[in-house]
Amino acid sequence: MKPITPIFALSALVLAACGQPDAPATETAQPATPPVETTATETTPLEAAIAGAHRSDEEKARDAWRNPKETLEFFGVEADDKVVELWPGGGWYTNILAPYLASGNGTLVAAYFDPNVGDEDRRVRIAERLAEFKANYEDPKFGTIEYSAFSAESGPLTEEGTADVVLTFRNLHNWMGGGYTDKFFTDAYAALKPGGVLGVVEHRLPSTDTQDPTGASGYVHEDYVKSLAEAAGFEFSASSEINANPADTADHPFGVWTLPPVSATSDREGNTPEDFDAEAYAAIGERDRMTLKFVKPAE
């Protein structure tokens, strides 16, 4: 529900007019202007979660580009849903989803980086990050968060057929690089109830550009995403331009990381093109993103 803008009434001061020569000695008093009723601004649980003091100013500054309210409403996320969030990372969306779902006794499942794969250094590093992540959400306002993992070797995202919504934000290119993007769609399909929603936000590669199968630039074709989802059994429901940025040409020297908020100025070897103009890339803003909604067919 969109907030209702309050209207503030001003009391009118009625002045008696001077009588004309042939006017009656007394004039009938004019009725006072009735006061305009004021309506208090209504804040929805989702809006309250987005505006919450637990979110930093830096996080809130990105709302203009990530559009969390419009995005979650587009995916149809309700406060009493069971929602699986893939690879929440530092918790940007978790800081909105957790209190929002807690307000309606919903459930958030954080499918984090898998601490059981990779070399020993990686396992230790991910285990430490996961412990820190969990510690951040022990406050009652975040409700009870369940945890799972996602990787090329991980098990179910959650109990089969129990999730209302599965969400992923800007992760597909990572899984393309690892060669298990199709597993994500299969796992999401298994987790969802019949009629459940899969919401995908990803950096968008123009359809005229050639898709790198490893997703090295961070940009992905919409048609590629749709084909993987449909192969897993999903039906495409709708797309939105909520997170679009027409100024992003998707042909930058360091891929999506050239643009804010990363704003890279060199590659991993420290090389920077001679004509590189950091201010020009900053002016583009954050990356152009597709926002796609898929549905698991109802039985």
Protein backbone atom coordinates (compact mmCIF):
# COMPACT_ATOMS: atom_id res chain seq x y z
CA MET A 1 0.00 0.00 0.00
CA LYS A 2 1.36 3.41 -0.93
CA PRO A 3 1.55 5.95 1.95
CA ILE A 4 -1.24 8.49 2.14
CA THR A 5 0.02 12.09 2.12
CA PRO A 6 -1.45 14.05 5.05
CA ILE A 7 -3.30 17.28 4.34
CA PHE A 8 -2.96 19.94 6.99
CA ALA A 9 -6.01 22.26 7.42
CA LEU A 10 -5.56 25.93 8.19
CA SER A 11 -8.26 27.63 10.24
CA ALA A 12 -9.96 30.30 8.15
CA LEU A 13 -10.39 33.78 9.62
CA VAL A 14 -13.78 35.17 8.48
CA LEU A 15 -13.93 38.96 8.37
CA ALA A 16 -17.29 40.78 8.41
CA ALA A 17 -17.78 42.99 5.36
CA CYS A 18 -18.57 46.73 5.80
CA GLY A 19 -22.35 47.36 5.31
CA GLN A 20 -23.55 49.33 2.26
CA PRO A 21 -25.98 52.25 2.77
CA ASP A 22 -29.06 50.13 2.02
CA ALA A 23 -27.78 46.97 3.68
CA PRO A 24 -29.73 45.54 6.58
CA ALA A 25 -28.55 46.47 10.04
CA THR A 26 -27.57 42.90 10.77
CA GLU A 27 -26.14 40.28 8.40
CA THR A 28 -26.60 36.56 8.57
CA ALA A 29 -23.34 35.00 9.77
CA GLN A 30 -21.69 32.82 7.17
CA PRO A 31 -21.03 29.22 8.23
CA ALA A 32 -17.45 28.50 9.18
CA THR A 33 -15.39 26.49 6.71
CA PRO A 34 -15.49 22.88 7.94
CA PRO A 35 -12.05 21.56 8.96
CA VAL A 36 -10.35 19.19 6.58
CA GLU A 37 -9.79 15.81 8.16
CA THR A 38 -6.16 14.76 8.43
CA THR A 39 -5.04 11.22 7.85
CA ALA A 40 -1.93 9.91 9.55
CA THR A 41 0.77 8.52 7.31
CA GLU A 42 0.60 4.75 7.23
CA THR A 43 3.92 2.87 7.32
CA THR A 44 3.89 -0.71 6.14
CA PRO A 45 6.06 -3.37 7.80
CA LEU A 46 8.23 -3.45 4.68
CA GLU A 47 8.71 0.31 4.74
CA ALA A 48 9.53 0.14 8.45
CA ALA A 49 12.18 -2.51 7.80
CA ILE A 50 13.74 -0.41 5.04
CA ALA A 51 13.74 2.74 7.19
CA GLY A 52 15.01 0.93 10.31
CA ALA A 53 17.85 2.40 12.36
CA HIS A 54 19.69 -0.94 12.10
CA ARG A 55 20.49 -0.09 8.47
CA SER A 56 23.51 2.18 7.98
CA ASP A 57 23.43 5.41 6.02
CA GLU A 58 25.66 3.74 3.42
CA GLU A 59 23.13 0.96 2.97
CA LYS A 60 20.21 3.35 2.65
CA ALA A 61 22.11 5.46 0.12
CA ARG A 62 21.96 2.49 -2.26
CA ASP A 63 18.18 2.16 -2.05
CA ALA A 64 17.86 4.57 -4.99
CA TRP A 65 19.69 2.03 -7.17
CA ARG A 66 18.54 -1.26 -5.64
CA ASN A 67 14.90 -0.26 -5.07
CA PRO A 68 14.23 -2.82 -2.32
CA LYS A 69 10.59 -1.88 -1.68
CA GLU A 70 9.55 -2.01 -5.32
CA THR A 71 11.63 -5.14 -5.98
CA LEU A 72 10.24 -7.18 -3.08
CA GLU A 73 6.71 -6.04 -3.88
CA PHE A 74 7.21 -7.08 -7.50
CA PHE A 75 8.24 -10.55 -6.35
CA GLY A 76 5.19 -10.65 -4.08
CA VAL A 77 7.09 -11.26 -0.83
CA GLU A 78 4.67 -11.28 2.13
CA ALA A 79 5.59 -10.90 5.81
CA ASP A 80 4.37 -14.40 6.67
CA ASP A 81 6.27 -16.13 3.84
CA LYS A 82 9.14 -18.56 4.05
CA VAL A 83 11.87 -16.94 1.95
CA VAL A 84 15.22 -18.40 0.89
CA GLU A 85 17.90 -15.81 0.15
CA LEU A 86 20.90 -17.13 -1.80
CA TRP A 87 24.38 -15.95 -0.88
CA PRO A 88 23.38 -12.99 1.30
CA GLY A 89 27.03 -11.91 1.58
CA GLY A 90 27.28 -8.96 3.94
CA GLY A 91 23.53 -8.90 4.51
CA TRP A 92 22.35 -5.87 2.54
CA TYR A 93 19.01 -7.48 1.65
CA THR A 94 19.00 -9.58 4.82
CA ASN A 95 18.79 -6.37 6.85
CA ILE A 96 15.45 -5.72 5.15
CA LEU A 97 14.09 -9.24 4.77
CA ALA A 98 14.80 -10.42 8.33
CA PRO A 99 12.84 -7.72 10.25
CA TYR A 100 10.12 -7.65 7.60
CA LEU A 101 9.50 -11.40 7.85
CA ALA A 102 9.81 -11.27 11.63
CA SER A 103 6.92 -8.76 11.68
CA GLY A 104 4.60 -11.38 10.19
CA ASN A 105 6.09 -14.51 11.78
CA GLY A 106 7.58 -15.48 8.45
CA THR A 107 10.83 -17.40 8.03
CA LEU A 108 14.08 -16.39 6.39
CA VAL A 109 16.49 -19.08 5.23
CA ALA A 110 19.97 -17.71 4.51
CA ALA A 111 21.66 -20.05 2.02
CA TYR A 112 25.19 -18.84 2.71
CA PHE A 113 28.54 -19.59 1.09
CA ASP A 114 29.34 -23.25 1.64
CA PRO A 115 32.01 -23.69 4.37
CA ASN A 116 32.44 -27.35 3.45
CA VAL A 117 34.03 -26.97 0.02
CA GLY A 118 37.38 -25.71 -1.22
CA ASP A 119 40.81 -25.78 0.36
CA GLU A 120 41.42 -25.43 4.06
CA ASP A 121 42.10 -21.68 3.88
CA ARG A 122 38.80 -21.08 2.14
CA ARG A 123 36.88 -23.23 4.59
CA VAL A 124 38.30 -21.34 7.54
CA ARG A 125 37.62 -17.99 5.90
CA ILE A 126 34.00 -18.84 5.05
CA ALA A 127 33.38 -20.35 8.48
CA GLU A 128 34.58 -17.12 10.09
CA ARG A 129 32.39 -14.99 7.82
CA LEU A 130 29.37 -17.18 8.51
CA ALA A 131 29.92 -16.95 12.28
CA GLU A 132 30.14 -13.16 12.03
CA PHE A 133 27.02 -13.07 9.85
CA LYS A 134 25.03 -15.15 12.34
CA ALA A 135 26.17 -12.97 15.24
CA ASN A 136 24.78 -9.90 13.49
CA TYR A 137 21.26 -11.37 13.46
CA GLU A 138 20.85 -12.60 17.02
CA ASP A 139 18.71 -9.57 17.91
CA PRO A 140 14.97 -10.45 18.35
CA LYS A 141 13.94 -7.85 15.76
CA PHE A 142 15.39 -10.11 13.07
CA GLY A 143 13.33 -13.12 14.12
CA THR A 144 14.75 -16.61 13.84
CA ILE A 145 16.90 -17.14 10.75
CA GLU A 146 17.50 -20.63 9.43
CA TYR A 147 20.74 -21.44 7.65
CA SER A 148 21.77 -23.63 4.75
CA ALA A 149 24.43 -23.37 2.04
CA PHE A 150 24.73 -23.32 -1.71
CA SER A 151 27.63 -24.58 -3.84
CA ALA A 152 28.36 -27.09 -6.55
CA GLU A 153 28.32 -29.76 -3.83
CA SER A 154 25.66 -28.50 -1.42
CA GLY A 155 22.48 -30.29 -0.44
CA PRO A 156 18.90 -28.91 -0.36
CA LEU A 157 18.38 -25.19 0.18
CA THR A 158 15.63 -26.03 2.66
CA GLU A 159 13.05 -28.75 3.20
CA GLU A 160 11.62 -29.68 -0.17
CA GLY A 161 8.41 -27.93 -1.21
CA THR A 162 8.24 -25.56 1.78
CA ALA A 163 9.45 -22.18 0.50
CA ASP A 164 7.11 -19.48 -0.77
CA VAL A 165 9.88 -17.45 -2.41
CA VAL A 166 13.51 -18.01 -3.42
CA LEU A 167 15.57 -14.89 -4.13
CA THR A 168 18.97 -14.24 -5.65
CA PHE A 169 20.51 -10.81 -6.14
CA ARG A 170 23.42 -10.42 -8.58
CA ASN A 171 24.82 -13.93 -8.09
CA LEU A 172 24.28 -15.83 -11.34
CA HIS A 173 27.56 -14.70 -12.93
CA ASN A 174 29.44 -16.17 -9.96
CA TRP A 175 27.78 -19.55 -10.45
CA MET A 176 28.44 -19.39 -14.18
CA GLY A 177 32.12 -19.05 -13.36
CA GLY A 178 31.88 -22.12 -11.13
CA GLY A 179 29.89 -24.09 -13.68
CA TYR A 180 26.84 -24.81 -11.51
CA THR A 181 24.26 -22.19 -12.47
CA ASP A 182 21.83 -24.90 -13.59
CA LYS A 183 22.08 -26.48 -10.12
CA PHE A 184 20.78 -23.27 -8.59
CA PHE A 185 17.59 -23.41 -10.64
CA THR A 186 17.12 -27.11 -9.89
CA ASP A 187 17.66 -26.57 -6.16
CA ALA A 188 15.33 -23.54 -6.12
CA TYR A 189 12.61 -25.51 -7.90
CA ALA A 190 12.87 -28.31 -5.33
CA ALA A 191 12.70 -25.87 -2.40
CA LEU A 192 9.58 -24.04 -3.57
CA LYS A 193 5.96 -24.94 -2.98
CA PRO A 194 3.81 -25.39 -6.08
CA GLY A 195 2.92 -21.85 -7.09
CA GLY A 196 6.03 -20.50 -5.34
CA VAL A 197 8.09 -17.66 -6.80
CA LEU A 198 11.71 -17.47 -7.91
CA GLY A 199 12.98 -13.88 -8.04
CA VAL A 200 16.17 -13.10 -9.95
CA VAL A 201 18.04 -9.79 -10.11
CA GLU A 202 21.20 -9.84 -12.24
CA HIS A 203 23.41 -7.49 -14.24
CA ARG A 204 22.05 -7.39 -17.79
CA LEU A 205 24.08 -7.97 -20.93
CA PRO A 206 22.56 -6.46 -24.11
CA SER A 207 21.07 -9.16 -26.31
CA THR A 208 23.32 -8.09 -29.19
CA ASP A 209 26.47 -8.85 -27.18
CA THR A 210 28.10 -12.27 -27.02
CA GLN A 211 27.58 -14.10 -23.75
CA ASP A 212 30.74 -15.26 -22.02
CA PRO A 213 29.73 -18.68 -20.61
CA THR A 214 31.85 -18.02 -17.53
CA GLY A 215 30.15 -14.69 -16.80
CA ALA A 216 33.56 -13.07 -16.35
CA SER A 217 32.26 -9.54 -17.00
CA GLY A 218 29.43 -9.95 -14.49
CA TYR A 219 26.84 -9.33 -17.21
CA VAL A 220 24.32 -11.99 -18.27
CA HIS A 221 21.75 -12.33 -21.07
CA GLU A 222 18.10 -12.33 -20.02
CA ASP A 223 17.37 -15.10 -22.51
CA TYR A 224 20.07 -17.25 -20.93
CA VAL A 225 18.51 -16.85 -17.49
CA LYS A 226 15.06 -17.65 -18.84
CA SER A 227 16.29 -20.74 -20.65
CA LEU A 228 17.91 -22.17 -17.50
CA ALA A 229 14.82 -21.44 -15.40
CA GLU A 230 12.49 -23.05 -17.93
CA ALA A 231 14.77 -26.07 -18.25
CA ALA A 232 14.39 -26.59 -14.49
CA GLY A 233 10.59 -26.52 -14.81
CA PHE A 234 9.80 -22.88 -14.04
CA GLU A 235 7.31 -20.77 -15.93
CA PHE A 236 8.33 -17.20 -16.72
CA SER A 237 5.84 -14.86 -15.04
CA ALA A 238 6.97 -11.25 -15.55
CA SER A 239 9.90 -8.86 -15.88
CA SER A 240 10.33 -5.37 -14.50
CA GLU A 241 12.52 -2.39 -15.29
CA ILE A 242 12.63 -1.40 -11.61
CA ASN A 243 16.40 -1.84 -11.50
CA ALA A 244 17.22 -0.75 -15.04
CA ASN A 245 19.93 1.80 -15.86
CA PRO A 246 19.85 2.74 -19.56
CA ALA A 247 23.13 4.64 -19.18
CA ASP A 248 25.02 1.38 -18.58
CA THR A 249 26.44 0.13 -21.89
CA ALA A 250 27.91 -3.03 -20.29
CA ASP A 251 31.22 -2.70 -22.17
CA HIS A 252 33.52 -1.44 -19.43
CA PRO A 253 37.20 -2.42 -19.02
CA PHE A 254 36.65 -4.13 -15.66
CA GLY A 255 33.15 -5.41 -16.26
CA VAL A 256 30.42 -4.60 -13.74
CA TRP A 257 33.11 -3.75 -11.19
CA THR A 258 34.05 -0.63 -13.20
CA LEU A 259 30.85 1.05 -12.02
CA PRO A 260 29.79 2.03 -8.49
CA PRO A 261 29.85 0.89 -5.79
CA VAL A 262 33.11 -0.97 -6.54
CA SER A 263 34.42 1.64 -9.00
CA ALA A 264 37.52 -0.39 -9.94
CA THR A 265 40.32 1.58 -11.62
CA SER A 266 42.60 -1.33 -12.53
CA ASP A 267 42.53 -5.06 -13.15
CA ARG A 268 43.93 -7.69 -10.79
CA GLU A 269 47.42 -7.10 -12.18
CA GLY A 270 47.14 -3.37 -11.52
CA ASN A 271 46.75 -2.36 -15.18
CA THR A 272 44.69 0.71 -16.09
CA PRO A 273 43.86 1.82 -19.67
CA GLU A 274 45.57 5.07 -20.69
CA ASP A 275 42.29 6.84 -21.47
CA PHE A 276 40.46 5.57 -18.38
CA ASP A 277 38.10 8.22 -16.95
CA ALA A 278 36.89 7.22 -13.47
CA GLU A 279 34.54 10.21 -13.24
CA ALA A 280 32.73 9.20 -16.42
CA TYR A 281 32.04 5.73 -15.03
CA ALA A 282 30.94 7.14 -11.69
CA ALA A 283 28.46 9.34 -13.54
CA ILE A 284 26.83 6.25 -15.10
CA GLY A 285 25.77 5.02 -11.68
CA GLU A 286 25.19 1.42 -10.67
CA ARG A 287 24.83 -1.38 -13.20
CA ASP A 288 21.82 -2.05 -15.42
CA ARG A 289 19.93 -5.00 -13.91
CA MET A 290 17.23 -7.34 -15.08
CA THR A 291 14.48 -8.21 -12.59
CA LEU A 292 12.76 -11.48 -13.48
CA LYS A 293 9.94 -13.38 -11.79
CA PHE A 294 9.40 -17.10 -12.33
CA VAL A 295 6.77 -19.42 -10.89
CA LYS A 296 6.82 -23.11 -10.05
CA PRO A 297 3.65 -24.49 -11.69
CA ALA A 298 0.86 -25.36 -9.30
CA GLU A 299 0.04 -29.04 -9.09
